[in-house]
Amino acid sequence: MKIFFINMLIFFIIFMAAIFYWGNKNNNKQVGLGCQDCNLIIISLTNTRKDHLGIYGYKRDTSSNIDNFFNDALVFDNAFSPSPWTLPSAASLMTSLFPWEHKVVNRYEENKLPQGIKTLPEILKKSGYLTAGFTGGGDYSRQYGFDRGFTLYRDEKDFSKLSYYKEDIIDWLEENYKNKFFLFLQGFDNHCPFNPSDQFKNKYTNSSSTLDMKSCFWNLDDSKENLVFTKISENKDITYKYLNEQDRQKLIDYYDGGITQMDNNIKEILETISSLRLEKNTIIILTSEHGDLIGEKGRFMRTDIIGAFQDIVLNIPLIIKHPSIDKKREIKGLVQSIDIMPSILKLLNIYYDKNSLQGESIIPLIVDNKKINDFVYAGLVYKGSKDSKFFNNIRISSMIRNLNYKLIHYQIFDLESLESLKNSYEFYDIDKDFNELNNNWTKIDFSKKGQELEKKLFIIENKIKEIFSL
């Protein structure tokens, strides 16, 4: 009997050890994306539309180098920016806060990140990372506080392309690849005017348009489709022009040529990363702050606010190359760019105060396909001046979206009296109307669904209005 109990005890010990082993093995699988002490590279290709990259299925071969380099990466189909222009989106990327929380929403006043907000490079530097940023200046200028936490920060040439620093970036990588580092790369390669070099501007051109491509084309009158202004002359008169379909096609051709030129310029940087074998110990992220309108629904760029909240602008590319991922995976769940920072810190096993960030870790979505966001949000405030030819009012726009439905709210207020001048909604059934062509706000069968979203959006809008005390 004694031997029997001894055998049973041994069996029990072995059994519990097996459970512990397989449980830990399964748990390791859950946290297998952990990459403590890994390097981090973030590449932000500002103004790059997701739907114009080959890795997202674009019909033209615009991005072969990016496509090949990230052919074993996580590709997110539903990643969203919190704003349709660079400055507030950049601040959100670096802080994991929505624009109405960090309040960097204006180039000219109250536009610097508050000292009490910790940025991603600050946290990484404190954790022993060598930090370097090569940016296109402009909306990434240090005047907004974006240099905080970077050992090296380059922003001297406003709205420059990433190619401006190409040799410097390669030199930096070759000098520092043995260190634990965070490298941030950003350029305005695809920003208007869409005018790539001769080698690339003619790569896709099949339009008979004689449109001069040396200027940007912006909407100003939100009631008229295809009407743009191109420049302001010395006497401050605005030059207007109606763009036809041939003009639009030329803009698309040149935009695609610019992406191909950018892809060609980034090729050497990606080759350097590979030659230094950094893919084995580096998380590499490619994204963008926003896209651009190129004639969709008669809208161009994003200046007039109306139209700027279409998915073409807000649904950004997000691609993550990870040492433990060996094949391409498409991720369908809703993700926001504010989720990038907490995800990175989680992957690198760096402590952070979860209550100080508004984003969520995307790891449960990757590992278990567990939803992390029921909704995504975006907002914009723009205060004009009474002397401005562009805007002499205050414009507030906001958006809430889930995988099925999307609600956009546009508001315009008088600059001095704060009287409401415009108050309109757009509501789209994304499942059936991917291109957002049919506004269903006034339809009875959609109004209840829209009103449910409106209640959630109302909370956000109140925070946005606080910025201008509306």
Protein backbone atom coordinates (compact mmCIF):
# COMPACT_ATOMS: atom_id res chain seq x y z
CA MET A 1 0.00 0.00 0.00
CA LYS A 2 2.87 2.32 0.86
CA ILE A 3 4.46 1.69 -2.55
CA PHE A 4 1.12 2.38 -4.19
CA PHE A 5 0.87 5.80 -2.52
CA ILE A 6 4.48 6.59 -3.38
CA ASN A 7 3.76 5.72 -7.04
CA MET A 8 0.60 7.79 -6.97
CA LEU A 9 2.55 10.71 -5.49
CA ILE A 10 5.19 10.43 -8.20
CA PHE A 11 2.47 10.26 -10.86
CA PHE A 12 0.78 13.31 -9.38
CA ILE A 13 4.03 15.26 -9.34
CA ILE A 14 4.75 14.32 -12.95
CA PHE A 15 1.19 15.14 -13.93
CA MET A 16 1.29 18.58 -12.27
CA ALA A 17 4.71 19.27 -13.78
CA ALA A 18 3.32 18.43 -17.20
CA ILE A 19 0.39 20.77 -16.68
CA PHE A 20 2.75 23.48 -15.50
CA TYR A 21 5.04 22.91 -18.49
CA TRP A 22 2.32 22.92 -21.11
CA GLY A 23 0.57 25.79 -19.41
CA ASN A 24 3.75 27.82 -19.46
CA LYS A 25 4.39 26.75 -23.03
CA ASN A 26 0.95 28.00 -23.98
CA ASN A 27 1.47 31.16 -21.95
CA ASN A 28 4.79 31.72 -23.70
CA LYS A 29 2.91 31.45 -26.94
CA GLN A 30 0.56 34.18 -25.74
CA VAL A 31 3.42 36.48 -24.82
CA GLY A 32 5.72 35.25 -27.59
CA LEU A 33 5.72 38.71 -29.15
CA GLY A 34 7.64 40.04 -26.15
CA CYS A 35 10.90 41.51 -27.36
CA GLN A 36 12.75 42.85 -24.34
CA ASP A 37 15.80 44.97 -25.27
CA CYS A 38 14.86 44.89 -28.95
CA ASN A 39 15.57 47.97 -31.02
CA LEU A 40 12.72 50.03 -32.44
CA ILE A 41 12.43 51.79 -35.79
CA ILE A 42 9.33 53.80 -36.74
CA ILE A 43 9.04 55.07 -40.31
CA SER A 44 6.27 57.59 -40.93
CA LEU A 45 5.64 58.39 -44.60
CA THR A 46 3.38 61.40 -44.19
CA ASN A 47 0.48 61.80 -46.68
CA THR A 48 0.86 58.21 -47.89
CA ARG A 49 -2.48 56.64 -48.65
CA LYS A 50 -2.89 53.04 -47.66
CA ASP A 51 -4.78 52.19 -50.82
CA HIS A 52 -1.87 53.33 -53.02
CA LEU A 53 0.63 50.80 -51.61
CA GLY A 54 1.19 47.42 -53.23
CA ILE A 55 1.18 45.59 -49.90
CA TYR A 56 -2.43 46.74 -49.49
CA GLY A 57 -3.39 45.51 -52.95
CA TYR A 58 -2.90 48.58 -55.13
CA LYS A 59 -2.99 47.75 -58.84
CA ARG A 60 0.13 49.78 -59.66
CA ASP A 61 3.61 48.67 -58.66
CA THR A 62 4.29 51.79 -56.57
CA SER A 63 6.08 50.32 -53.56
CA SER A 64 8.00 47.16 -54.45
CA ASN A 65 10.80 47.77 -51.94
CA ILE A 66 8.39 48.37 -49.07
CA ASP A 67 6.28 45.40 -50.18
CA ASN A 68 9.28 43.05 -50.26
CA PHE A 69 10.78 44.24 -46.98
CA PHE A 70 7.49 43.86 -45.10
CA ASN A 71 6.36 40.65 -46.81
CA ASP A 72 6.50 38.81 -43.46
CA ALA A 73 4.90 41.52 -41.34
CA LEU A 74 1.63 42.25 -39.59
CA VAL A 75 -0.53 44.34 -41.92
CA PHE A 76 -3.40 46.23 -40.27
CA ASP A 77 -6.41 46.89 -42.48
CA ASN A 78 -8.35 49.11 -40.08
CA ALA A 79 -5.86 51.47 -38.46
CA PHE A 80 -7.06 55.05 -37.98
CA SER A 81 -5.49 58.43 -37.34
CA PRO A 82 -7.09 60.78 -34.78
CA SER A 83 -6.82 63.81 -37.09
CA PRO A 84 -6.56 64.52 -40.84
CA TRP A 85 -3.40 66.63 -40.61
CA THR A 86 0.11 66.09 -39.39
CA LEU A 87 0.69 68.22 -36.29
CA PRO A 88 -2.03 66.83 -33.98
CA SER A 89 -1.56 63.31 -35.39
CA ALA A 90 2.18 63.45 -34.72
CA ALA A 91 1.56 64.58 -31.14
CA SER A 92 -0.88 61.69 -30.67
CA LEU A 93 1.63 59.18 -32.05
CA MET A 94 4.27 60.34 -29.57
CA THR A 95 1.97 60.55 -26.52
CA SER A 96 -0.87 58.02 -27.01
CA LEU A 97 -3.32 60.86 -26.38
CA PHE A 98 -6.12 62.17 -28.56
CA PRO A 99 -5.68 65.73 -29.89
CA TRP A 100 -8.30 67.09 -27.49
CA GLU A 101 -6.18 65.77 -24.61
CA HIS A 102 -2.68 66.89 -25.64
CA LYS A 103 -4.19 70.05 -27.26
CA VAL A 104 -1.48 70.49 -29.87
CA VAL A 105 -3.99 71.44 -32.55
CA ASN A 106 -2.73 74.78 -33.86
CA ARG A 107 0.53 75.89 -35.43
CA TYR A 108 0.42 79.38 -34.02
CA GLU A 109 -0.81 79.40 -30.42
CA GLU A 110 -0.81 77.01 -27.45
CA ASN A 111 0.94 74.51 -29.65
CA LYS A 112 3.63 72.90 -27.53
CA LEU A 113 3.36 69.57 -25.76
CA PRO A 114 2.87 70.21 -22.04
CA GLN A 115 5.84 69.18 -19.92
CA GLY A 116 3.68 66.91 -17.79
CA ILE A 117 3.03 64.62 -20.77
CA LYS A 118 5.66 61.92 -21.24
CA THR A 119 6.57 61.13 -24.84
CA LEU A 120 7.60 57.79 -26.28
CA PRO A 121 11.26 58.83 -26.84
CA GLU A 122 11.47 60.18 -23.27
CA ILE A 123 10.33 56.85 -21.83
CA LEU A 124 12.66 54.86 -24.10
CA LYS A 125 15.64 57.09 -23.34
CA LYS A 126 15.03 56.66 -19.62
CA SER A 127 14.98 52.89 -20.25
CA GLY A 128 18.48 52.95 -21.71
CA TYR A 129 17.73 53.48 -25.40
CA LEU A 130 19.85 55.64 -27.68
CA THR A 131 17.26 57.83 -29.42
CA ALA A 132 17.49 59.57 -32.79
CA GLY A 133 14.93 61.29 -34.99
CA PHE A 134 15.30 62.38 -38.61
CA THR A 135 12.23 64.40 -39.57
CA GLY A 136 10.98 66.71 -42.29
CA GLY A 137 10.60 69.59 -39.84
CA GLY A 138 7.47 71.64 -40.48
CA ASP A 139 4.78 70.02 -38.37
CA TYR A 140 7.51 67.90 -36.76
CA SER A 141 9.52 70.94 -35.70
CA ARG A 142 11.10 70.99 -32.25
CA GLN A 143 9.11 74.14 -31.49
CA TYR A 144 6.16 71.84 -30.77
CA GLY A 145 8.19 69.76 -28.29
CA PHE A 146 8.78 66.75 -30.55
CA ASP A 147 12.53 66.74 -29.85
CA ARG A 148 11.97 65.82 -26.21
CA GLY A 149 13.67 62.55 -25.36
CA PHE A 150 15.79 62.39 -28.52
CA THR A 151 19.56 62.33 -28.16
CA LEU A 152 19.73 63.48 -31.79
CA TYR A 153 16.86 65.30 -33.52
CA ARG A 154 17.05 66.59 -37.09
CA ASP A 155 14.35 69.02 -38.25
CA GLU A 156 16.28 71.81 -39.90
CA LYS A 157 14.71 71.68 -43.36
CA ASP A 158 10.97 72.38 -43.28
CA PHE A 159 8.71 69.90 -45.06
CA SER A 160 11.67 67.99 -46.47
CA LYS A 161 11.55 64.50 -47.88
CA LEU A 162 13.01 61.54 -46.02
CA SER A 163 15.55 61.27 -48.82
CA TYR A 164 17.10 64.54 -47.60
CA TYR A 165 18.66 62.61 -44.69
CA LYS A 166 19.22 59.30 -46.45
CA GLU A 167 23.00 59.22 -46.19
CA ASP A 168 22.94 60.54 -42.62
CA ILE A 169 20.44 57.86 -41.61
CA ILE A 170 22.56 55.09 -43.13
CA ASP A 171 25.68 56.45 -41.42
CA TRP A 172 23.84 56.62 -38.08
CA LEU A 173 22.68 53.02 -38.39
CA GLU A 174 26.16 51.77 -39.26
CA GLU A 175 27.66 53.63 -36.30
CA ASN A 176 25.03 52.69 -33.72
CA TYR A 177 23.55 49.33 -34.71
CA LYS A 178 25.28 47.56 -31.81
CA ASN A 179 23.55 49.86 -29.30
CA LYS A 180 20.01 49.45 -28.05
CA PHE A 181 18.25 52.20 -29.99
CA PHE A 182 15.03 53.89 -31.08
CA LEU A 183 15.19 55.45 -34.53
CA PHE A 184 12.33 57.62 -35.80
CA LEU A 185 12.21 58.47 -39.51
CA GLN A 186 9.69 60.85 -41.06
CA GLY A 187 9.40 62.73 -44.33
CA PHE A 188 6.90 64.69 -46.41
CA ASP A 189 7.74 62.74 -49.56
CA ASN A 190 4.11 62.52 -50.68
CA HIS A 191 2.97 65.95 -49.58
CA CYS A 192 1.65 68.32 -52.20
CA PRO A 193 2.66 69.67 -54.62
CA PHE A 194 2.77 66.26 -56.29
CA ASN A 195 5.78 66.86 -58.48
CA PRO A 196 8.33 64.00 -58.42
CA SER A 197 11.54 64.03 -60.44
CA ASP A 198 11.38 63.42 -64.19
CA GLN A 199 12.30 59.76 -63.75
CA PHE A 200 9.15 59.13 -61.71
CA LYS A 201 6.66 61.78 -62.80
CA ASN A 202 6.26 60.12 -66.20
CA LYS A 203 6.14 56.56 -64.91
CA TYR A 204 2.34 56.40 -64.78
CA THR A 205 1.24 59.47 -66.73
CA ASN A 206 -1.55 58.75 -69.17
CA SER A 207 -3.50 61.99 -68.85
CA SER A 208 -3.84 64.71 -71.47
CA SER A 209 -4.15 67.37 -68.75
CA THR A 210 -1.97 70.50 -69.04
CA LEU A 211 -2.35 71.20 -65.32
CA ASP A 212 0.71 72.91 -63.81
CA MET A 213 1.82 70.58 -61.04
CA LYS A 214 4.07 73.01 -59.22
CA SER A 215 1.30 74.10 -56.84
CA CYS A 216 -0.96 72.48 -54.28
CA PHE A 217 -4.66 72.34 -55.04
CA TRP A 218 -6.96 72.98 -52.13
CA ASN A 219 -10.70 73.29 -51.73
CA LEU A 220 -11.87 76.52 -50.16
CA ASP A 221 -15.60 76.69 -50.88
CA ASP A 222 -17.04 73.55 -49.29
CA SER A 223 -20.28 73.92 -51.26
CA LYS A 224 -18.67 73.51 -54.68
CA GLU A 225 -17.11 70.29 -55.86
CA ASN A 226 -13.90 70.30 -57.96
CA LEU A 227 -13.32 74.02 -57.28
CA VAL A 228 -9.82 74.59 -55.90
CA PHE A 229 -7.44 77.43 -55.29
CA THR A 230 -3.82 77.02 -56.29
CA LYS A 231 -1.93 79.95 -54.79
CA ILE A 232 -2.24 83.42 -53.36
CA SER A 233 -0.66 86.21 -55.39
CA GLU A 234 1.26 89.17 -53.98
CA ASN A 235 -1.92 91.21 -53.61
CA LYS A 236 -3.46 88.29 -51.69
CA ASP A 237 -5.96 87.38 -54.38
CA ILE A 238 -6.78 83.70 -54.62
CA THR A 239 -6.44 81.90 -57.93
CA TYR A 240 -9.40 79.57 -58.50
CA LYS A 241 -9.69 76.70 -60.92
CA TYR A 242 -12.11 73.89 -61.65
CA LEU A 243 -10.32 70.56 -62.03
CA ASN A 244 -11.72 68.08 -64.54
CA GLU A 245 -11.28 64.30 -64.64
CA GLN A 246 -8.12 64.54 -66.74
CA ASP A 247 -6.61 66.93 -64.18
CA ARG A 248 -7.54 64.53 -61.41
CA GLN A 249 -5.93 61.62 -63.25
CA LYS A 250 -2.72 63.60 -63.66
CA LEU A 251 -2.69 64.33 -59.94
CA ILE A 252 -3.10 60.62 -59.20
CA ASP A 253 -0.34 59.73 -61.67
CA TYR A 254 2.08 62.19 -60.11
CA TYR A 255 1.08 61.16 -56.60
CA ASP A 256 1.84 57.54 -57.48
CA GLY A 257 5.12 58.63 -59.05
CA GLY A 258 5.98 60.33 -55.78
CA ILE A 259 5.30 57.14 -53.83
CA THR A 260 7.54 55.18 -56.20
CA GLN A 261 10.27 57.79 -55.83
CA MET A 262 9.93 57.59 -52.04
CA ASP A 263 10.02 53.79 -52.22
CA ASN A 264 13.17 53.99 -54.32
CA ASN A 265 14.83 56.39 -51.88
CA ILE A 266 13.97 54.30 -48.84
CA LYS A 267 15.38 51.18 -50.52
CA GLU A 268 18.95 51.84 -49.33
CA ILE A 269 17.79 52.43 -45.76
CA LEU A 270 15.89 49.13 -45.74
CA GLU A 271 18.88 47.35 -47.31
CA THR A 272 21.13 48.77 -44.58
CA ILE A 273 18.76 47.46 -41.90
CA SER A 274 18.91 44.02 -43.51
CA SER A 275 22.68 44.01 -44.09
CA LEU A 276 23.26 44.83 -40.40
CA ARG A 277 20.96 41.90 -39.52
CA LEU A 278 18.79 44.24 -37.47
CA GLU A 279 15.62 42.37 -38.41
CA LYS A 280 16.61 39.71 -35.86
CA ASN A 281 16.37 42.09 -32.89
CA THR A 282 14.36 45.08 -34.08
CA ILE A 283 10.66 45.93 -34.26
CA ILE A 284 10.11 47.98 -37.42
CA ILE A 285 6.89 49.95 -37.91
CA LEU A 286 5.73 51.71 -41.06
CA THR A 287 2.81 54.12 -40.89
CA SER A 288 1.55 57.57 -41.88
CA GLU A 289 -0.17 60.44 -40.09
CA HIS A 290 -2.91 60.68 -42.72
CA GLY A 291 -3.73 60.27 -46.39
CA ASP A 292 -5.08 62.79 -48.90
CA LEU A 293 -8.10 63.43 -51.07
CA ILE A 294 -7.38 63.40 -54.81
CA GLY A 295 -10.75 64.33 -56.23
CA GLU A 296 -12.91 61.84 -54.34
CA LYS A 297 -16.42 63.36 -54.14
CA GLY A 298 -14.98 66.50 -55.74
CA ARG A 299 -12.63 67.21 -52.81
CA PHE A 300 -8.87 67.81 -52.96
CA MET A 301 -6.34 67.68 -50.13
CA ARG A 302 -7.89 68.55 -46.76
CA THR A 303 -7.93 72.32 -46.27
CA ASP A 304 -11.65 72.97 -46.33
CA ILE A 305 -12.29 70.43 -43.53
CA ILE A 306 -15.35 69.07 -45.35
CA GLY A 307 -14.39 65.66 -46.70
CA ALA A 308 -11.25 65.41 -44.59
CA PHE A 309 -12.78 62.67 -42.44
CA GLN A 310 -13.24 60.16 -45.23
CA ASP A 311 -11.49 56.83 -44.71
CA ILE A 312 -9.17 57.72 -47.60
CA VAL A 313 -7.63 60.28 -45.26
CA LEU A 314 -8.02 58.67 -41.82
CA ASN A 315 -7.59 54.93 -42.55
CA ILE A 316 -3.80 54.91 -42.50
CA PRO A 317 -1.23 52.23 -43.32
CA LEU A 318 0.14 50.39 -40.28
CA ILE A 319 2.64 47.59 -40.82
CA ILE A 320 4.70 45.96 -38.07
CA LYS A 321 7.72 43.76 -38.77
CA HIS A 322 8.63 41.70 -35.71
CA PRO A 323 11.52 39.24 -35.14
CA SER A 324 9.05 36.51 -34.10
CA ILE A 325 6.72 36.89 -37.09
CA ASP A 326 7.83 34.93 -40.16
CA LYS A 327 4.90 35.40 -42.53
CA LYS A 328 2.49 38.10 -43.57
CA ARG A 329 -0.69 38.35 -41.53
CA GLU A 330 -3.62 40.65 -42.16
CA ILE A 331 -5.23 42.05 -39.02
CA LYS A 332 -8.85 43.18 -39.41
CA GLY A 333 -9.66 44.61 -35.98
CA LEU A 334 -10.00 48.32 -35.28
CA VAL A 335 -6.74 49.99 -34.28
CA GLN A 336 -5.86 53.62 -33.60
CA SER A 337 -2.45 55.25 -33.97
CA ILE A 338 -2.61 56.08 -30.26
CA ASP A 339 -2.39 52.30 -29.71
CA ILE A 340 1.13 52.17 -31.15
CA MET A 341 2.90 53.62 -28.09
CA PRO A 342 1.41 51.31 -25.41
CA SER A 343 1.89 48.33 -27.74
CA ILE A 344 5.57 49.14 -28.17
CA LEU A 345 6.14 49.55 -24.45
CA LYS A 346 4.33 46.27 -23.78
CA LEU A 347 6.40 44.45 -26.43
CA LEU A 348 9.64 45.86 -25.04
CA ASN A 349 8.58 45.02 -21.46
CA ILE A 350 8.94 48.64 -20.36
CA TYR A 351 6.74 49.81 -17.52
CA TYR A 352 4.31 52.64 -18.19
CA ASP A 353 1.39 54.16 -16.35
CA LYS A 354 -1.61 52.79 -18.26
CA ASN A 355 -3.81 55.57 -16.89
CA SER A 356 -1.62 58.22 -18.55
CA LEU A 357 -2.18 56.79 -22.05
CA GLN A 358 -5.44 56.56 -23.99
CA GLY A 359 -4.36 53.86 -26.41
CA GLU A 360 -4.65 50.10 -25.95
CA SER A 361 -2.07 47.38 -26.50
CA ILE A 362 -2.69 45.59 -29.78
CA ILE A 363 -1.12 42.34 -28.55
CA PRO A 364 -4.46 40.66 -27.64
CA LEU A 365 -5.71 41.48 -31.14
CA ILE A 366 -2.63 39.93 -32.74
CA VAL A 367 -2.43 36.83 -30.55
CA ASP A 368 -6.09 35.99 -29.89
CA ASN A 369 -7.96 38.17 -32.39
CA LYS A 370 -9.47 39.85 -29.34
CA LYS A 371 -11.22 43.15 -30.00
CA ILE A 372 -9.39 46.07 -28.37
CA ASN A 373 -11.49 48.96 -29.73
CA ASP A 374 -15.25 49.05 -30.18
CA PHE A 375 -14.88 52.44 -31.86
CA VAL A 376 -12.22 54.73 -33.31
CA TYR A 377 -12.36 58.51 -33.02
CA ALA A 378 -10.97 61.55 -34.81
CA GLY A 379 -11.35 65.27 -34.23
CA LEU A 380 -10.19 68.60 -35.58
CA VAL A 381 -10.43 72.21 -34.50
CA TYR A 382 -9.30 75.08 -36.68
CA LYS A 383 -9.47 78.74 -35.67
CA GLY A 384 -9.17 81.27 -38.47
CA SER A 385 -8.84 85.04 -38.37
CA LYS A 386 -11.04 87.82 -39.73
CA ASP A 387 -8.24 88.89 -42.10
CA SER A 388 -7.76 85.40 -43.56
CA LYS A 389 -8.75 84.62 -47.13
CA PHE A 390 -8.85 80.96 -46.14
CA PHE A 391 -10.87 80.84 -42.93
CA ASN A 392 -12.52 83.65 -40.99
CA ASN A 393 -14.38 81.36 -38.62
CA ILE A 394 -13.92 78.41 -36.26
CA ARG A 395 -14.38 74.91 -37.66
CA ILE A 396 -14.86 71.79 -35.58
CA SER A 397 -15.13 68.32 -37.07
CA SER A 398 -15.37 64.98 -35.35
CA MET A 399 -15.80 61.33 -36.30
CA ILE A 400 -16.72 58.06 -34.64
CA ARG A 401 -16.57 54.73 -36.46
CA ASN A 402 -16.85 51.03 -35.84
CA LEU A 403 -16.40 48.26 -38.39
CA ASN A 404 -19.92 48.75 -39.74
CA TYR A 405 -21.01 52.36 -39.39
CA LYS A 406 -19.45 55.81 -39.40
CA LEU A 407 -20.71 59.18 -38.18
CA ILE A 408 -19.11 62.53 -39.04
CA HIS A 409 -20.17 65.86 -37.54
CA TYR A 410 -19.17 69.18 -39.14
CA GLN A 411 -19.65 72.49 -37.30
CA ILE A 412 -18.74 76.08 -38.15
CA PHE A 413 -18.94 79.00 -35.69
CA ASP A 414 -18.58 82.74 -36.15
CA LEU A 415 -15.14 83.81 -35.01
CA GLU A 416 -16.34 86.69 -32.83
CA SER A 417 -19.93 85.98 -31.80
CA LEU A 418 -19.45 82.16 -31.69
CA GLU A 419 -22.83 81.85 -33.39
CA SER A 420 -23.40 78.50 -35.10
CA LEU A 421 -23.10 78.88 -38.89
CA LYS A 422 -23.15 75.22 -39.93
CA ASN A 423 -24.19 72.03 -38.23
CA SER A 424 -24.33 68.94 -40.45
CA TYR A 425 -23.97 65.18 -40.10
CA GLU A 426 -22.88 62.41 -42.42
CA PHE A 427 -23.69 58.81 -41.62
CA TYR A 428 -22.42 55.89 -43.68
CA ASP A 429 -23.08 52.18 -43.80
CA ILE A 430 -19.46 51.14 -44.39
CA ASP A 431 -20.35 47.51 -45.13
CA LYS A 432 -22.46 48.52 -48.12
CA ASP A 433 -20.91 51.88 -48.99
CA PHE A 434 -17.14 51.55 -48.63
CA ASN A 435 -16.50 54.77 -50.60
CA GLU A 436 -18.87 56.82 -48.42
CA LEU A 437 -21.01 58.03 -51.32
CA ASN A 438 -24.46 57.88 -49.71
CA ASN A 439 -25.17 59.96 -46.64
CA ASN A 440 -27.87 58.11 -44.70
CA TRP A 441 -28.27 60.56 -41.84
CA THR A 442 -31.78 61.62 -42.83
CA LYS A 443 -33.03 58.11 -43.58
CA ILE A 444 -35.35 56.74 -40.91
CA ASP A 445 -33.89 53.25 -40.89
CA PHE A 446 -30.43 54.59 -40.15
CA SER A 447 -31.23 57.44 -37.79
CA LYS A 448 -31.43 55.26 -34.66
CA LYS A 449 -28.05 53.68 -35.36
CA GLY A 450 -26.61 57.11 -36.03
CA GLN A 451 -28.11 58.54 -32.85
CA GLU A 452 -26.41 55.81 -30.82
CA LEU A 453 -23.07 56.92 -32.24
CA GLU A 454 -23.98 60.59 -31.80
CA LYS A 455 -24.35 60.11 -28.03
CA LYS A 456 -20.82 58.71 -27.81
CA LEU A 457 -19.45 61.41 -30.09
CA PHE A 458 -21.11 64.15 -28.04
CA ILE A 459 -18.78 63.40 -25.11
CA ILE A 460 -15.73 63.84 -27.33
CA GLU A 461 -17.08 67.01 -28.94
CA ASN A 462 -17.50 68.67 -25.58
CA LYS A 463 -13.81 68.11 -24.91
CA ILE A 464 -12.92 69.50 -28.32
CA LYS A 465 -15.04 72.63 -27.74
CA GLU A 466 -13.27 73.28 -24.45
CA ILE A 467 -10.13 74.16 -26.41
CA PHE A 468 -11.84 77.31 -27.72
CA SER A 469 -14.31 77.74 -24.86
CA LEU A 470 -17.29 77.15 -27.13
